[in-house]
Amino acid sequence: TFSFVVLPRVQDAMLEVHRLGYRERFRLLDAGNTGLVGEDVCLDILETLCAENINGEGLEMLKEGFAELLTAKRQPESANVDFEAFLEIMLWARARLHALRKELSHQICIDEDLCPRDIQDYRSELLRLHEVYSIHKDSNMDCLTKDFLLSALINCGLVPPRGNARKCVEHIVQMCVSQDCSFSFSEFLGLVRHVRCQCQDSVRQDLEEAFQRYDKDGSGELSKTEAYALFSERGLNPRSRHDQEDIAKLLTEVDSDNSGSIDFEEFQDLVQRLSEKKRLVQHLSESRLGKKIGFSDLQMASLREAFFVLDLDGDDQLSMVECKKLFANRLQSQFRTNDLNLLFHSFDADESRTLDFPEFLRFFAHLSARLDRISSNDMFGN
C-alpha cells in the first residue's frame, strides 16, 4: 500500500513544489512575456546548478544529454521552449546531475584513496575541489606545487579579498612556499580544512560581536529570522529564489542538533560557507566571460590570481598603475603613456577610473593581442 499509494502522492507533492519554483524563475527569465525562453537561458541555469559540485567531465556529459533533450522539446519555429518543456528539462537536469555527482565522486574516492573523514567532510564539494586541483597540479610531478598553491586556493573560493582572513591565507601560503611544499589531492584537502579553520579563527571576534547583537535574549542561539537579518548585514543575503533555497539547505545542514535555531559555532560555519559560495558564483559568471573571450581554465585561474595579488586594498578594482605592473617593461617600450591611458579608459565601462575583473579580462585580452602583433611584426621585420 505504501509503495503504490503514498509514494506517488509524495512524488506529486514534490513535483508541485518544483513546478512553483520553476514557474517563478521562468516568469523572471521571460522578459518579453512571450511564454518562451531561449537555449542560452536554459544553459545558464544548467551551469548555475552545476556550480556547487561538478567537474569538467561531468559538465560535458550533462550538456550532451541536455542538448539532445532541448532539441527534442524546443519550438520548431523559434528554437525556444515553453514552460512545460522548460520544467521537464530542468527536472531531468537535476536528476542526471545527482546521478553524475554520485558516480564521479565515487571514482575520485577510489583513484585518490581518500580516507573516510575526507569523503564525509567534502561529499558536497568533492568534484569541484578535485577539478581545481587537477587544473593546477604539475602533470610531471602529479601533485600541486607551491607555484600554483595561491591560485588553487583563490579558485576554490577560499581566499577573501581583504581583512584578517586574507592575511591569514597569505601567511599560510608563504609558509608552504618557504618550505617548498607539494600536495597530493588528499593533502590538498587537508590544507583546505586548515585554511578554513584559520580563516574562521581570524574573524571570530568580529562574528561573536555581531552574533551577540542579534541574540536579544542572550540564549546563545539565533532564530532563522535573526540569522537571515545578520546575513543581510554582512552582504550575504539571498538575491534570488535559488539563493534562498541554497541558504535554507545550508541552514539545515549546519543545524546539527535539529533545534530549528543556530548556535555560534553553527553560525560561524554558515558564514564561511556562504562567503565561499558567493565568491564561487562570481567566479562562474567570470569564467563564462573568459571562455567567450578565449581564455583556458588555467589562464583564467592565473589571471584571477594576478588580479588578486595586484588588488592590495581588496576592493575588487584595479587602477591604471596597478594594471601596468602586469606588463612591466613591455608596455613602456611599446606604448606611449597617453595611448595606454586611452586604451585603459576605453575598457572602463562604468567610468570609475578603475577596472573590475570582467573589464580587466577584456583589457588584458586586447592588450595581449596588440603586444603579440607588435612582437610578430618585429620578428619578421615589418
Protein backbone atom coordinates (compact mmCIF):
# COMPACT_ATOMS: atom_id res chain seq x y z
CA THR A 1 0.00 0.00 0.00
CA PHE A 2 2.79 2.42 0.93
CA SER A 3 4.64 1.96 -2.37
CA PHE A 4 1.58 2.17 -4.58
CA VAL A 5 -0.35 4.91 -2.75
CA VAL A 6 1.86 7.03 -0.50
CA LEU A 7 4.98 7.30 -2.67
CA PRO A 8 3.15 8.61 -5.74
CA ARG A 9 1.47 11.23 -3.54
CA VAL A 10 4.85 12.35 -2.17
CA GLN A 11 6.29 12.46 -5.68
CA ASP A 12 3.32 14.52 -6.91
CA ALA A 13 3.73 16.93 -3.98
CA MET A 14 7.46 17.33 -4.69
CA LEU A 15 6.74 17.90 -8.38
CA GLU A 16 4.29 20.65 -7.46
CA VAL A 17 6.91 22.33 -5.24
CA HIS A 18 9.43 22.25 -8.10
CA ARG A 19 6.77 23.46 -10.52
CA LEU A 20 6.03 26.54 -8.39
CA GLY A 21 9.74 27.37 -8.02
CA TYR A 22 10.50 26.96 -11.70
CA ARG A 23 7.32 28.80 -12.69
CA GLU A 24 8.57 31.87 -10.84
CA ARG A 25 12.05 31.51 -12.36
CA PHE A 26 10.57 31.08 -15.85
CA ARG A 27 8.43 34.21 -15.38
CA LEU A 28 11.52 36.27 -14.45
CA LEU A 29 13.51 34.93 -17.41
CA ASP A 30 10.70 35.53 -19.89
CA ALA A 31 11.34 39.28 -20.03
CA GLY A 32 9.16 39.79 -23.10
CA ASN A 33 6.25 37.83 -21.61
CA THR A 34 6.20 35.58 -24.68
CA GLY A 35 5.71 32.32 -22.80
CA LEU A 36 9.06 31.14 -24.15
CA VAL A 37 12.74 31.22 -23.12
CA GLY A 38 15.82 30.59 -25.21
CA GLU A 39 18.51 27.93 -25.25
CA ASP A 40 21.13 30.27 -23.76
CA VAL A 41 18.91 30.95 -20.75
CA CYS A 42 18.46 27.23 -20.11
CA LEU A 43 22.18 26.63 -20.46
CA ASP A 44 22.97 29.42 -17.98
CA ILE A 45 20.65 27.80 -15.41
CA LEU A 46 22.27 24.43 -16.05
CA GLU A 47 25.75 25.84 -15.39
CA THR A 48 24.49 27.56 -12.23
CA LEU A 49 23.08 24.24 -11.00
CA CYS A 50 26.47 22.66 -11.66
CA ALA A 51 28.49 25.39 -9.95
CA GLU A 52 28.37 23.82 -6.50
CA ASN A 53 29.88 20.43 -7.19
CA ILE A 54 30.72 19.12 -10.65
CA ASN A 55 33.87 18.76 -12.73
CA GLY A 56 34.57 19.37 -16.41
CA GLU A 57 33.94 15.76 -17.36
CA GLY A 58 30.57 15.69 -15.63
CA LEU A 59 29.53 19.04 -17.08
CA GLU A 60 30.27 17.90 -20.63
CA MET A 61 28.30 14.68 -20.10
CA LEU A 62 25.40 16.67 -18.72
CA LYS A 63 25.50 19.21 -21.56
CA GLU A 64 25.42 16.42 -24.15
CA GLY A 65 22.17 14.96 -22.81
CA PHE A 66 20.83 18.45 -22.17
CA ALA A 67 21.36 19.45 -25.81
CA GLU A 68 19.56 16.33 -27.08
CA LEU A 69 16.57 16.95 -24.80
CA LEU A 70 16.46 20.65 -25.68
CA THR A 71 16.46 19.86 -29.40
CA ALA A 72 13.56 17.47 -28.93
CA LYS A 73 11.50 19.90 -26.83
CA ARG A 74 12.05 23.33 -28.39
CA GLN A 75 9.56 25.10 -30.62
CA PRO A 76 10.44 24.47 -34.29
CA GLU A 77 9.60 27.99 -35.39
CA SER A 78 11.62 29.82 -32.71
CA ALA A 79 14.08 27.28 -31.23
CA ASN A 80 12.77 28.35 -27.77
CA VAL A 81 10.95 26.30 -25.13
CA ASP A 82 7.66 26.84 -23.32
CA PHE A 83 7.21 26.35 -19.57
CA GLU A 84 6.26 22.67 -19.65
CA ALA A 85 9.34 21.84 -21.75
CA PHE A 86 11.48 24.06 -19.53
CA LEU A 87 10.22 22.25 -16.41
CA GLU A 88 10.87 18.83 -17.92
CA ILE A 89 14.41 19.83 -18.94
CA MET A 90 15.23 21.26 -15.50
CA LEU A 91 13.89 18.23 -13.63
CA TRP A 92 15.85 15.92 -15.93
CA ALA A 93 18.98 18.01 -15.34
CA ARG A 94 18.60 17.83 -11.54
CA ALA A 95 18.16 14.04 -11.61
CA ARG A 96 21.02 13.49 -14.06
CA LEU A 97 23.28 15.83 -12.10
CA HIS A 98 22.61 13.90 -8.89
CA ALA A 99 23.49 10.60 -10.59
CA LEU A 100 26.66 12.01 -12.17
CA ARG A 101 27.86 13.51 -8.91
CA LYS A 102 27.46 10.20 -7.14
CA GLU A 103 29.21 8.24 -9.90
CA LEU A 104 32.14 10.62 -10.41
CA SER A 105 32.68 11.25 -6.68
CA HIS A 106 32.87 7.52 -6.06
CA GLN A 107 35.55 7.17 -8.73
CA ILE A 108 37.63 10.03 -7.28
CA CYS A 109 37.47 8.47 -3.81
CA ILE A 110 38.91 5.26 -5.26
CA ASP A 111 41.52 6.89 -7.51
CA GLU A 112 42.78 9.26 -4.80
CA ASP A 113 42.49 6.69 -1.98
CA LEU A 114 40.61 9.14 0.24
CA CYS A 115 40.07 8.42 3.93
CA PRO A 116 36.54 8.19 5.38
CA ARG A 117 36.87 11.60 7.06
CA ASP A 118 37.64 13.37 3.77
CA ILE A 119 34.83 11.54 1.99
CA GLN A 120 32.38 12.67 4.68
CA ASP A 121 33.64 16.25 5.05
CA TYR A 122 33.84 17.03 1.33
CA ARG A 123 30.95 14.99 -0.05
CA SER A 124 29.09 18.11 -1.26
CA GLU A 125 32.11 19.74 -2.98
CA LEU A 126 34.50 16.92 -3.86
CA LEU A 127 34.14 17.21 -7.63
CA ARG A 128 34.67 20.97 -7.64
CA LEU A 129 37.75 20.79 -5.41
CA HIS A 130 39.21 17.96 -7.48
CA GLU A 131 38.63 19.94 -10.67
CA VAL A 132 40.54 22.95 -9.30
CA TYR A 133 43.31 20.66 -8.09
CA SER A 134 43.56 18.94 -11.49
CA ILE A 135 43.78 22.29 -13.35
CA HIS A 136 46.63 23.48 -11.13
CA LYS A 137 48.68 20.37 -10.46
CA ASP A 138 52.06 19.72 -12.09
CA SER A 139 51.40 16.90 -14.57
CA ASN A 140 55.01 15.71 -14.44
CA MET A 141 55.14 15.51 -10.65
CA ASP A 142 51.45 14.56 -10.35
CA CYS A 143 50.97 16.93 -7.43
CA LEU A 144 50.18 20.55 -6.63
CA THR A 145 53.38 22.56 -6.22
CA LYS A 146 54.00 25.79 -4.33
CA ASP A 147 53.91 27.85 -7.56
CA PHE A 148 50.19 27.28 -8.08
CA LEU A 149 49.08 26.99 -4.47
CA LEU A 150 47.66 30.50 -4.03
CA SER A 151 45.87 30.32 -7.38
CA ALA A 152 44.27 26.99 -6.42
CA LEU A 153 43.00 28.36 -3.10
CA ILE A 154 41.65 31.52 -4.76
CA ASN A 155 39.82 29.47 -7.39
CA CYS A 156 38.30 27.28 -4.68
CA GLY A 157 36.69 30.44 -3.29
CA LEU A 158 38.71 30.14 -0.08
CA VAL A 159 40.56 33.47 -0.11
CA PRO A 160 38.70 36.62 1.00
CA PRO A 161 39.71 39.77 -0.89
CA ARG A 162 40.52 41.79 2.23
CA GLY A 163 40.91 41.82 6.00
CA ASN A 164 42.46 39.47 8.54
CA ALA A 165 41.25 36.36 6.74
CA ARG A 166 43.15 37.37 3.57
CA LYS A 167 46.31 37.99 5.59
CA CYS A 168 45.84 34.62 7.27
CA VAL A 169 45.67 32.74 3.96
CA GLU A 170 48.62 34.65 2.53
CA HIS A 171 50.66 33.71 5.61
CA ILE A 172 49.76 30.02 5.18
CA VAL A 173 50.80 30.14 1.51
CA GLN A 174 54.08 31.89 2.37
CA MET A 175 54.88 29.18 4.92
CA CYS A 176 54.21 26.46 2.34
CA VAL A 177 56.36 28.25 -0.25
CA SER A 178 59.26 28.72 2.18
CA GLN A 179 59.14 25.00 3.00
CA ASP A 180 58.88 24.04 -0.70
CA CYS A 181 55.70 22.05 -0.03
CA SER A 182 53.84 20.00 -2.60
CA PHE A 183 50.45 18.36 -2.18
CA SER A 184 48.69 15.20 -3.27
CA PHE A 185 44.91 15.60 -3.54
CA SER A 186 44.29 14.18 -0.08
CA GLU A 187 46.94 16.53 1.33
CA PHE A 188 45.30 19.41 -0.52
CA LEU A 189 42.00 18.58 1.19
CA GLY A 190 43.84 18.72 4.49
CA LEU A 191 45.15 22.17 3.55
CA VAL A 192 41.62 23.31 2.63
CA ARG A 193 40.44 22.20 6.06
CA HIS A 194 43.31 24.07 7.73
CA VAL A 195 42.69 27.26 5.71
CA ARG A 196 39.01 27.26 6.65
CA CYS A 197 39.76 26.81 10.35
CA GLN A 198 42.35 29.59 10.33
CA CYS A 199 40.04 31.95 8.43
CA GLN A 200 37.28 31.33 10.94
CA ASP A 201 39.63 31.97 13.86
CA SER A 202 40.85 35.22 12.27
CA VAL A 203 37.35 36.72 12.18
CA ARG A 204 35.93 35.01 15.27
CA GLN A 205 35.88 38.12 17.49
CA ASP A 206 34.09 40.20 14.84
CA LEU A 207 31.50 37.46 14.29
CA GLU A 208 30.94 36.98 18.02
CA GLU A 209 30.18 40.68 18.46
CA ALA A 210 27.71 40.60 15.56
CA PHE A 211 26.12 37.39 16.86
CA GLN A 212 25.62 38.85 20.34
CA ARG A 213 23.93 41.97 18.94
CA TYR A 214 21.25 39.82 17.33
CA ASP A 215 20.97 37.36 20.21
CA LYS A 216 18.49 39.60 22.06
CA ASP A 217 17.58 37.13 24.80
CA GLY A 218 21.18 36.03 25.44
CA SER A 219 20.29 32.39 24.80
CA GLY A 220 23.41 31.76 22.73
CA GLU A 221 21.24 30.92 19.72
CA LEU A 222 19.68 32.76 16.79
CA SER A 223 16.37 32.01 15.17
CA LYS A 224 16.45 31.58 11.43
CA THR A 225 14.82 35.00 11.04
CA GLU A 226 17.57 36.61 13.14
CA ALA A 227 20.21 34.70 11.20
CA TYR A 228 18.82 35.94 7.87
CA ALA A 229 18.93 39.53 9.16
CA LEU A 230 22.56 39.13 10.17
CA PHE A 231 23.46 37.59 6.81
CA SER A 232 21.91 40.62 5.13
CA GLU A 233 24.03 42.94 7.28
CA ARG A 234 27.17 41.11 6.14
CA GLY A 235 26.24 41.22 2.46
CA LEU A 236 25.31 37.54 2.32
CA ASN A 237 21.58 37.98 1.81
CA PRO A 238 19.92 35.88 -0.93
CA ARG A 239 19.42 37.68 -4.24
CA SER A 240 17.13 35.13 -5.88
CA ARG A 241 14.84 32.24 -5.09
CA HIS A 242 17.72 29.89 -5.91
CA ASP A 243 19.88 31.69 -3.31
CA GLN A 244 17.07 31.36 -0.77
CA GLU A 245 16.89 27.62 -1.42
CA ASP A 246 20.66 27.31 -1.02
CA ILE A 247 20.69 29.17 2.30
CA ALA A 248 17.76 27.11 3.59
CA LYS A 249 19.65 23.94 2.62
CA LEU A 250 22.83 25.14 4.35
CA LEU A 251 20.87 26.11 7.47
CA THR A 252 19.51 22.58 7.64
CA GLU A 253 23.00 21.10 7.18
CA VAL A 254 24.68 23.17 9.90
CA ASP A 255 21.80 22.81 12.37
CA SER A 256 23.41 19.62 13.67
CA ASP A 257 21.05 19.22 16.65
CA ASN A 258 17.90 19.92 14.59
CA SER A 259 16.83 22.61 17.05
CA GLY A 260 15.49 24.99 14.40
CA SER A 261 17.92 27.66 15.58
CA ILE A 262 21.70 28.00 15.29
CA ASP A 263 24.37 28.49 17.93
CA PHE A 264 27.55 30.48 17.34
CA GLU A 265 29.64 27.57 16.03
CA GLU A 266 26.94 26.70 13.52
CA PHE A 267 26.60 30.36 12.58
CA GLN A 268 30.36 30.71 12.04
CA ASP A 269 30.39 27.63 9.80
CA LEU A 270 27.46 29.01 7.82
CA VAL A 271 29.10 32.41 7.29
CA GLN A 272 32.22 30.65 5.99
CA ARG A 273 30.19 28.54 3.55
CA LEU A 274 28.05 31.43 2.31
CA SER A 275 31.10 33.66 1.80
CA GLU A 276 32.80 30.94 -0.25
CA LYS A 277 29.64 30.30 -2.25
CA LYS A 278 29.26 34.00 -3.04
CA ARG A 279 32.80 34.09 -4.42
CA LEU A 280 32.23 30.89 -6.41
CA VAL A 281 29.05 32.24 -8.04
CA GLN A 282 31.02 35.32 -9.06
CA HIS A 283 33.81 33.10 -10.42
CA LEU A 284 31.27 31.17 -12.50
CA SER A 285 30.00 34.32 -14.18
CA GLU A 286 33.55 35.50 -14.82
CA SER A 287 34.55 32.10 -16.23
CA ARG A 288 31.73 32.24 -18.77
CA LEU A 289 33.04 35.60 -19.96
CA GLY A 290 36.61 34.28 -20.01
CA LYS A 291 35.60 31.36 -22.23
CA LYS A 292 33.84 33.70 -24.65
CA ILE A 293 36.99 35.82 -24.84
CA GLY A 294 39.11 32.72 -25.44
CA PHE A 295 40.91 32.07 -22.15
CA SER A 296 41.55 28.50 -20.98
CA ASP A 297 40.71 27.35 -17.44
CA LEU A 298 44.35 27.65 -16.40
CA GLN A 299 44.68 31.11 -17.97
CA MET A 300 41.57 32.25 -16.11
CA ALA A 301 42.98 30.89 -12.87
CA SER A 302 46.28 32.71 -13.43
CA LEU A 303 44.54 35.98 -14.31
CA ARG A 304 42.34 35.74 -11.22
CA GLU A 305 45.46 35.25 -9.10
CA ALA A 306 47.21 38.20 -10.76
CA PHE A 307 44.18 40.42 -10.17
CA PHE A 308 44.04 39.34 -6.52
CA VAL A 309 47.75 39.99 -5.91
CA LEU A 310 47.59 43.47 -7.50
CA ASP A 311 44.36 44.40 -5.70
CA LEU A 312 46.06 45.13 -2.38
CA ASP A 313 43.14 47.01 -0.84
CA GLY A 314 40.69 44.24 -1.76
CA ASP A 315 38.10 46.50 -3.38
CA ASP A 316 37.84 44.27 -6.49
CA GLN A 317 39.12 47.13 -8.68
CA LEU A 318 42.47 47.82 -10.36
CA SER A 319 43.83 51.25 -11.27
CA MET A 320 45.85 52.02 -14.37
CA VAL A 321 49.06 51.96 -12.34
CA GLU A 322 48.24 48.52 -10.94
CA CYS A 323 47.37 47.09 -14.36
CA LYS A 324 50.65 48.33 -15.86
CA LYS A 325 52.59 46.19 -13.38
CA LEU A 326 51.45 43.06 -15.25
CA PHE A 327 53.29 44.04 -18.41
CA ALA A 328 56.17 45.97 -16.82
CA ASN A 329 58.85 46.94 -19.34
CA ARG A 330 56.98 45.69 -22.41
CA LEU A 331 54.34 48.39 -22.04
CA GLN A 332 56.85 51.18 -21.55
CA SER A 333 58.78 50.22 -24.66
CA GLN A 334 55.79 49.57 -26.94
CA PHE A 335 53.17 52.14 -25.89
CA ARG A 336 53.16 55.84 -25.26
CA THR A 337 51.61 56.71 -21.89
CA ASN A 338 48.76 58.65 -23.46
CA ASP A 339 47.87 55.77 -25.81
CA LEU A 340 47.82 53.35 -22.91
CA ASN A 341 45.61 55.65 -20.85
CA LEU A 342 43.14 55.92 -23.72
CA LEU A 343 43.07 52.15 -24.11
CA PHE A 344 42.55 51.66 -20.38
CA HIS A 345 39.63 54.09 -20.26
CA SER A 346 38.02 52.50 -23.32
CA PHE A 347 37.51 49.33 -21.25
CA ASP A 348 36.39 51.22 -18.14
CA ALA A 349 32.68 50.77 -18.93
CA ASP A 350 31.36 52.44 -15.76
CA GLU A 351 33.89 55.31 -15.99
CA SER A 352 35.15 54.62 -12.46
CA ARG A 353 38.79 55.08 -13.50
CA THR A 354 39.36 51.53 -12.37
CA LEU A 355 38.71 48.10 -13.89
CA ASP A 356 36.72 45.36 -12.20
CA PHE A 357 37.64 41.79 -13.09
CA PRO A 358 35.38 41.42 -16.18
CA GLU A 359 36.68 44.76 -17.53
CA PHE A 360 40.21 43.65 -16.69
CA LEU A 361 39.74 40.43 -18.70
CA ARG A 362 38.72 42.37 -21.81
CA PHE A 363 41.54 44.88 -21.33
CA PHE A 364 44.11 42.14 -20.84
CA ALA A 365 42.94 40.16 -23.90
CA HIS A 366 43.05 43.24 -26.14
CA LEU A 367 46.40 44.45 -24.86
CA SER A 368 47.98 40.98 -25.07
CA ALA A 369 46.81 40.64 -28.69
CA ARG A 370 48.32 44.03 -29.59
CA LEU A 371 51.62 43.18 -27.91
CA ASP A 372 51.73 39.83 -29.73
CA ARG A 373 51.12 41.56 -33.08
CA ILE A 374 53.92 44.03 -32.35
CA SER A 375 56.30 41.19 -31.44
CA SER A 376 55.30 39.28 -34.56
CA ASN A 377 55.89 42.32 -36.79
CA ASP A 378 59.29 42.92 -35.17
CA MET A 379 60.26 39.31 -35.74
CA PHE A 380 59.52 39.49 -39.48
CA GLY A 381 60.91 42.99 -39.92
CA ASN A 382 57.54 44.65 -40.66
